[in-house]
């Protein structure tokens, strides 16, 4: 059995290093608008895990923001109960995270985008929680937070989504700068290494 191989004219190790270098400007030089590069790098890896083709954009850029949105709703509700209704913070988190994670998983049954994009969906969900519970501050990837507990969950959501979009673009860019070229057919039973220029 034969299949067509893709030859990377720039080795992958070099393309990855260049991509990381390019990404630094988004995480270091935008001041309070910096993007959390660690989150972007996770989505970058996700781009590869989903196949490393431009088709991955639609499998990431719809379910990822929706997953994050489900937890932004959790954060907004939780903040309201803690700040306005004076609930115990631990009890409030326990109740509302249970409710909103259950809702987020339940709605997956209603559209195939959540099945094909289950990895990005859960990544968006977990990424938002990572931002929310780690106490990120402006300039460290959380966006221009205001200190208002009713506004900040939505600012945080925007920056979680921006990190995901950047990660997708980094994955695409990483592949692009290897200048891939389709080679001739090879026997798929033979494993060859070093095609990326190693």
C-alpha atoms as a PDB file:
ATOM      1  CA  UNK A   1       0.000   0.000   0.000  1.00  0.00           C
ATOM      2  CA  UNK A   2       1.376   3.429  -0.902  1.00  0.00           C
ATOM      3  CA  UNK A   3       0.622   6.930   0.317  1.00  0.00           C
ATOM      4  CA  UNK A   4       1.879  10.386  -0.539  1.00  0.00           C
ATOM      5  CA  UNK A   5       4.275  11.911   1.974  1.00  0.00           C
ATOM      6  CA  UNK A   6       4.699  15.572   2.838  1.00  0.00           C
ATOM      7  CA  UNK A   7       8.267  16.818   2.977  1.00  0.00           C
ATOM      8  CA  UNK A   8       9.038  19.780   5.203  1.00  0.00           C
ATOM      9  CA  UNK A   9      11.558  21.980   3.422  1.00  0.00           C
ATOM     10  CA  UNK A  10      12.280  23.821   6.697  1.00  0.00           C
ATOM     11  CA  UNK A  11      12.831  21.380   9.587  1.00  0.00           C
ATOM     12  CA  UNK A  12      10.097  21.267  12.203  1.00  0.00           C
ATOM     13  CA  UNK A  13      12.453  22.045  15.095  1.00  0.00           C
ATOM     14  CA  UNK A  14      13.444  25.313  13.421  1.00  0.00           C
ATOM     15  CA  UNK A  15       9.866  26.226  12.490  1.00  0.00           C
ATOM     16  CA  UNK A  16       8.705  25.674  16.071  1.00  0.00           C
ATOM     17  CA  UNK A  17      11.500  27.867  17.446  1.00  0.00           C
ATOM     18  CA  UNK A  18      10.652  30.653  14.974  1.00  0.00           C
ATOM     19  CA  UNK A  19       6.950  30.384  15.841  1.00  0.00           C
ATOM     20  CA  UNK A  20       7.666  30.683  19.566  1.00  0.00           C
ATOM     21  CA  UNK A  21       9.846  33.731  18.891  1.00  0.00           C
ATOM     22  CA  UNK A  22       7.049  35.360  16.858  1.00  0.00           C
ATOM     23  CA  UNK A  23       4.507  34.615  19.587  1.00  0.00           C
ATOM     24  CA  UNK A  24       6.469  36.493  22.260  1.00  0.00           C
ATOM     25  CA  UNK A  25       5.338  39.872  20.976  1.00  0.00           C
ATOM     26  CA  UNK A  26       1.732  38.982  21.884  1.00  0.00           C
ATOM     27  CA  UNK A  27       2.638  38.014  25.433  1.00  0.00           C
ATOM     28  CA  UNK A  28       5.278  40.588  26.327  1.00  0.00           C
ATOM     29  CA  UNK A  29       4.792  43.875  24.508  1.00  0.00           C
ATOM     30  CA  UNK A  30       1.057  44.622  24.715  1.00  0.00           C
ATOM     31  CA  UNK A  31       1.088  45.790  28.331  1.00  0.00           C
ATOM     32  CA  UNK A  32      -2.199  45.131  30.092  1.00  0.00           C
ATOM     33  CA  UNK A  33      -3.501  43.621  26.825  1.00  0.00           C
ATOM     34  CA  UNK A  34      -0.911  40.813  26.812  1.00  0.00           C
ATOM     35  CA  UNK A  35      -2.204  37.369  25.881  1.00  0.00           C
ATOM     36  CA  UNK A  36      -1.436  34.359  28.068  1.00  0.00           C
ATOM     37  CA  UNK A  37       0.974  32.489  25.804  1.00  0.00           C
ATOM     38  CA  UNK A  38       0.829  29.311  27.885  1.00  0.00           C
ATOM     39  CA  UNK A  39      -2.845  29.028  26.930  1.00  0.00           C
ATOM     40  CA  UNK A  40      -2.049  29.743  23.286  1.00  0.00           C
ATOM     41  CA  UNK A  41       0.626  27.041  23.268  1.00  0.00           C
ATOM     42  CA  UNK A  42      -1.912  24.498  24.503  1.00  0.00           C
ATOM     43  CA  UNK A  43      -4.268  25.351  21.639  1.00  0.00           C
ATOM     44  CA  UNK A  44      -1.331  25.287  19.230  1.00  0.00           C
ATOM     45  CA  UNK A  45      -0.691  21.677  20.266  1.00  0.00           C
ATOM     46  CA  UNK A  46      -4.412  21.042  19.863  1.00  0.00           C
ATOM     47  CA  UNK A  47      -4.188  22.283  16.264  1.00  0.00           C
ATOM     48  CA  UNK A  48      -1.604  19.575  15.614  1.00  0.00           C
ATOM     49  CA  UNK A  49      -3.618  16.951  17.487  1.00  0.00           C
ATOM     50  CA  UNK A  50      -6.636  17.657  15.270  1.00  0.00           C
ATOM     51  CA  UNK A  51      -4.663  17.150  12.072  1.00  0.00           C
ATOM     52  CA  UNK A  52      -2.612  20.301  11.507  1.00  0.00           C
ATOM     53  CA  UNK A  53      -4.641  21.570   8.523  1.00  0.00           C
ATOM     54  CA  UNK A  54      -6.666  24.780   8.049  1.00  0.00           C
ATOM     55  CA  UNK A  55      -9.809  22.682   8.524  1.00  0.00           C
ATOM     56  CA  UNK A  56      -8.837  22.575  12.206  1.00  0.00           C
ATOM     57  CA  UNK A  57      -9.883  26.216  12.560  1.00  0.00           C
ATOM     58  CA  UNK A  58     -13.572  25.319  12.399  1.00  0.00           C
ATOM     59  CA  UNK A  59     -13.090  22.493  14.888  1.00  0.00           C
ATOM     60  CA  UNK A  60     -11.411  24.875  17.342  1.00  0.00           C
ATOM     61  CA  UNK A  61     -12.843  28.346  16.815  1.00  0.00           C
ATOM     62  CA  UNK A  62     -16.476  27.409  17.422  1.00  0.00           C
ATOM     63  CA  UNK A  63     -16.428  24.904  20.301  1.00  0.00           C
ATOM     64  CA  UNK A  64     -13.500  26.470  22.198  1.00  0.00           C
ATOM     65  CA  UNK A  65     -15.199  29.869  22.777  1.00  0.00           C
ATOM     66  CA  UNK A  66     -18.494  28.161  23.619  1.00  0.00           C
ATOM     67  CA  UNK A  67     -16.793  25.940  26.191  1.00  0.00           C
ATOM     68  CA  UNK A  68     -15.174  29.011  27.724  1.00  0.00           C
ATOM     69  CA  UNK A  69     -18.500  30.856  27.630  1.00  0.00           C
ATOM     70  CA  UNK A  70     -20.181  28.181  29.723  1.00  0.00           C
ATOM     71  CA  UNK A  71     -17.653  28.846  32.476  1.00  0.00           C
ATOM     72  CA  UNK A  72     -17.910  32.629  32.074  1.00  0.00           C
ATOM     73  CA  UNK A  73     -21.587  32.203  32.959  1.00  0.00           C
ATOM     74  CA  UNK A  74     -20.521  30.131  35.969  1.00  0.00           C
ATOM     75  CA  UNK A  75     -18.111  32.884  37.049  1.00  0.00           C
ATOM     76  CA  UNK A  76     -20.724  35.626  36.647  1.00  0.00           C
ATOM     77  CA  UNK A  77     -23.332  33.663  38.620  1.00  0.00           C
ATOM     78  CA  UNK A  78     -20.816  32.692  41.294  1.00  0.00           C
ATOM     79  CA  UNK A  79     -19.635  36.277  41.698  1.00  0.00           C
ATOM     80  CA  UNK A  80     -23.212  37.487  42.042  1.00  0.00           C
ATOM     81  CA  UNK A  81     -24.024  34.999  44.790  1.00  0.00           C
ATOM     82  CA  UNK A  82     -20.791  35.714  46.667  1.00  0.00           C
ATOM     83  CA  UNK A  83     -20.755  39.517  46.321  1.00  0.00           C
ATOM     84  CA  UNK A  84     -24.445  40.433  46.277  1.00  0.00           C
ATOM     85  CA  UNK A  85     -26.069  37.602  48.225  1.00  0.00           C
ATOM     86  CA  UNK A  86     -23.122  37.040  50.593  1.00  0.00           C
ATOM     87  CA  UNK A  87     -22.905  33.285  50.049  1.00  0.00           C
ATOM     88  CA  UNK A  88     -19.901  31.495  51.452  1.00  0.00           C
ATOM     89  CA  UNK A  89     -17.337  31.543  48.576  1.00  0.00           C
ATOM     90  CA  UNK A  90     -16.483  27.845  48.873  1.00  0.00           C
ATOM     91  CA  UNK A  91     -20.124  26.769  48.989  1.00  0.00           C
ATOM     92  CA  UNK A  92     -20.991  29.019  46.052  1.00  0.00           C
ATOM     93  CA  UNK A  93     -18.176  27.628  43.907  1.00  0.00           C
ATOM     94  CA  UNK A  94     -19.155  24.058  44.775  1.00  0.00           C
ATOM     95  CA  UNK A  95     -22.825  24.586  43.885  1.00  0.00           C
ATOM     96  CA  UNK A  96     -22.422  26.623  40.721  1.00  0.00           C
ATOM     97  CA  UNK A  97     -19.478  24.794  39.193  1.00  0.00           C
ATOM     98  CA  UNK A  98     -21.426  21.555  39.584  1.00  0.00           C
ATOM     99  CA  UNK A  99     -24.462  23.091  37.878  1.00  0.00           C
ATOM    100  CA  UNK A 100     -22.645  24.759  34.990  1.00  0.00           C
ATOM    101  CA  UNK A 101     -20.254  21.909  34.224  1.00  0.00           C
ATOM    102  CA  UNK A 102     -23.266  19.573  34.135  1.00  0.00           C
ATOM    103  CA  UNK A 103     -25.088  21.949  31.773  1.00  0.00           C
ATOM    104  CA  UNK A 104     -21.981  22.384  29.589  1.00  0.00           C
ATOM    105  CA  UNK A 105     -21.576  18.640  29.160  1.00  0.00           C
ATOM    106  CA  UNK A 106     -25.308  17.991  28.709  1.00  0.00           C
ATOM    107  CA  UNK A 107     -25.647  20.417  25.776  1.00  0.00           C
ATOM    108  CA  UNK A 108     -22.973  18.513  23.842  1.00  0.00           C
ATOM    109  CA  UNK A 109     -25.623  15.999  22.790  1.00  0.00           C
ATOM    110  CA  UNK A 110     -27.514  18.572  20.728  1.00  0.00           C
ATOM    111  CA  UNK A 111     -24.991  19.449  18.016  1.00  0.00           C
ATOM    112  CA  UNK A 112     -22.272  17.513  16.239  1.00  0.00           C
ATOM    113  CA  UNK A 113     -19.865  20.454  16.504  1.00  0.00           C
ATOM    114  CA  UNK A 114     -19.464  19.548  20.178  1.00  0.00           C
ATOM    115  CA  UNK A 115     -18.676  15.945  19.353  1.00  0.00           C
ATOM    116  CA  UNK A 116     -16.148  16.623  16.604  1.00  0.00           C
ATOM    117  CA  UNK A 117     -14.763  19.506  18.618  1.00  0.00           C
ATOM    118  CA  UNK A 118     -14.965  17.896  22.042  1.00  0.00           C
ATOM    119  CA  UNK A 119     -11.252  18.450  22.718  1.00  0.00           C
ATOM    120  CA  UNK A 120     -11.397  22.219  22.019  1.00  0.00           C
ATOM    121  CA  UNK A 121     -14.747  22.477  23.812  1.00  0.00           C
ATOM    122  CA  UNK A 122     -13.379  20.983  27.010  1.00  0.00           C
ATOM    123  CA  UNK A 123     -10.170  22.935  26.529  1.00  0.00           C
ATOM    124  CA  UNK A 124     -12.131  26.196  26.398  1.00  0.00           C
ATOM    125  CA  UNK A 125     -14.023  25.176  29.517  1.00  0.00           C
ATOM    126  CA  UNK A 126     -10.907  24.180  31.456  1.00  0.00           C
ATOM    127  CA  UNK A 127      -8.882  27.136  30.171  1.00  0.00           C
ATOM    128  CA  UNK A 128     -11.443  29.587  31.486  1.00  0.00           C
ATOM    129  CA  UNK A 129     -11.371  27.908  34.880  1.00  0.00           C
ATOM    130  CA  UNK A 130      -7.560  28.071  34.866  1.00  0.00           C
ATOM    131  CA  UNK A 131      -7.693  31.818  34.192  1.00  0.00           C
ATOM    132  CA  UNK A 132     -10.439  32.385  36.763  1.00  0.00           C
ATOM    133  CA  UNK A 133      -8.951  30.417  39.649  1.00  0.00           C
ATOM    134  CA  UNK A 134      -5.306  31.377  39.108  1.00  0.00           C
ATOM    135  CA  UNK A 135      -6.039  35.032  39.837  1.00  0.00           C
ATOM    136  CA  UNK A 136      -4.341  36.403  36.732  1.00  0.00           C
ATOM    137  CA  UNK A 137      -3.762  40.128  36.774  1.00  0.00           C
ATOM    138  CA  UNK A 138      -3.754  42.709  33.951  1.00  0.00           C
ATOM    139  CA  UNK A 139      -0.563  42.392  31.931  1.00  0.00           C
ATOM    140  CA  UNK A 140      -0.295  38.670  32.633  1.00  0.00           C
ATOM    141  CA  UNK A 141      -2.775  37.488  30.028  1.00  0.00           C
ATOM    142  CA  UNK A 142      -6.124  38.195  31.662  1.00  0.00           C
ATOM    143  CA  UNK A 143      -6.899  41.362  29.740  1.00  0.00           C
ATOM    144  CA  UNK A 144      -7.677  44.827  31.127  1.00  0.00           C
ATOM    145  CA  UNK A 145      -9.513  43.638  34.242  1.00  0.00           C
ATOM    146  CA  UNK A 146     -11.415  46.362  36.080  1.00  0.00           C
ATOM    147  CA  UNK A 147     -11.839  44.872  39.544  1.00  0.00           C
ATOM    148  CA  UNK A 148     -15.596  44.803  38.991  1.00  0.00           C
ATOM    149  CA  UNK A 149     -16.779  41.251  39.761  1.00  0.00           C
ATOM    150  CA  UNK A 150     -19.702  41.608  37.355  1.00  0.00           C
ATOM    151  CA  UNK A 151     -17.664  42.866  34.387  1.00  0.00           C
ATOM    152  CA  UNK A 152     -14.417  40.952  34.783  1.00  0.00           C
ATOM    153  CA  UNK A 153     -15.822  37.464  33.996  1.00  0.00           C
ATOM    154  CA  UNK A 154     -16.641  38.718  30.488  1.00  0.00           C
ATOM    155  CA  UNK A 155     -13.280  40.439  29.989  1.00  0.00           C
ATOM    156  CA  UNK A 156     -11.640  37.206  31.099  1.00  0.00           C
ATOM    157  CA  UNK A 157     -13.730  35.279  28.572  1.00  0.00           C
ATOM    158  CA  UNK A 158     -12.572  37.564  25.751  1.00  0.00           C
ATOM    159  CA  UNK A 159      -8.915  37.007  26.681  1.00  0.00           C
ATOM    160  CA  UNK A 160      -9.373  33.245  26.977  1.00  0.00           C
ATOM    161  CA  UNK A 161     -10.842  33.272  23.465  1.00  0.00           C
ATOM    162  CA  UNK A 162      -8.044  35.509  22.140  1.00  0.00           C
ATOM    163  CA  UNK A 163      -5.490  33.076  23.554  1.00  0.00           C
ATOM    164  CA  UNK A 164      -7.271  30.244  21.710  1.00  0.00           C
ATOM    165  CA  UNK A 165      -7.417  32.165  18.441  1.00  0.00           C
ATOM    166  CA  UNK A 166      -3.726  33.011  18.711  1.00  0.00           C
ATOM    167  CA  UNK A 167      -2.916  29.363  19.443  1.00  0.00           C
ATOM    168  CA  UNK A 168      -4.771  28.242  16.328  1.00  0.00           C
ATOM    169  CA  UNK A 169      -2.963  30.816  14.217  1.00  0.00           C
ATOM    170  CA  UNK A 170       0.385  29.760  15.695  1.00  0.00           C
ATOM    171  CA  UNK A 171      -0.343  26.146  14.729  1.00  0.00           C
ATOM    172  CA  UNK A 172      -1.235  27.182  11.177  1.00  0.00           C
ATOM    173  CA  UNK A 173       1.804  29.488  10.944  1.00  0.00           C
ATOM    174  CA  UNK A 174       4.088  26.763  12.276  1.00  0.00           C
ATOM    175  CA  UNK A 175       3.044  24.405   9.481  1.00  0.00           C
ATOM    176  CA  UNK A 176       3.164  27.202   6.892  1.00  0.00           C
ATOM    177  CA  UNK A 177       6.804  28.080   7.561  1.00  0.00           C
ATOM    178  CA  UNK A 178       7.974  24.496   7.107  1.00  0.00           C
ATOM    179  CA  UNK A 179       7.084  25.121   3.440  1.00  0.00           C
ATOM    180  CA  UNK A 180       5.557  21.643   3.104  1.00  0.00           C
ATOM    181  CA  UNK A 181       5.754  19.967  -0.279  1.00  0.00           C
ATOM    182  CA  UNK A 182       4.060  16.773  -1.325  1.00  0.00           C
ATOM    183  CA  UNK A 183       6.590  14.135  -2.228  1.00  0.00           C
ATOM    184  CA  UNK A 184       6.233  10.953  -4.236  1.00  0.00           C
ATOM    185  CA  UNK A 185       4.361   7.861  -3.113  1.00  0.00           C
ATOM    186  CA  UNK A 186       6.042   5.642  -0.543  1.00  0.00           C
ATOM    187  CA  UNK A 187       5.262   2.254   0.866  1.00  0.00           C
ATOM    188  CA  UNK A 188       3.157   2.944   3.972  1.00  0.00           C
ATOM    189  CA  UNK A 189       4.489  -0.236   5.566  1.00  0.00           C
ATOM    190  CA  UNK A 190       7.955   1.312   5.731  1.00  0.00           C
ATOM    191  CA  UNK A 191       8.490   3.801   8.523  1.00  0.00           C
ATOM    192  CA  UNK A 192      10.892   6.559   7.574  1.00  0.00           C
ATOM    193  CA  UNK A 193      12.284   9.119   9.959  1.00  0.00           C
ATOM    194  CA  UNK A 194      13.964  12.465   9.471  1.00  0.00           C
ATOM    195  CA  UNK A 195      11.634  13.726   6.749  1.00  0.00           C
ATOM    196  CA  UNK A 196      11.400  16.983   8.600  1.00  0.00           C
ATOM    197  CA  UNK A 197      15.057  17.667   7.917  1.00  0.00           C
ATOM    198  CA  UNK A 198      16.503  16.136  11.096  1.00  0.00           C
END
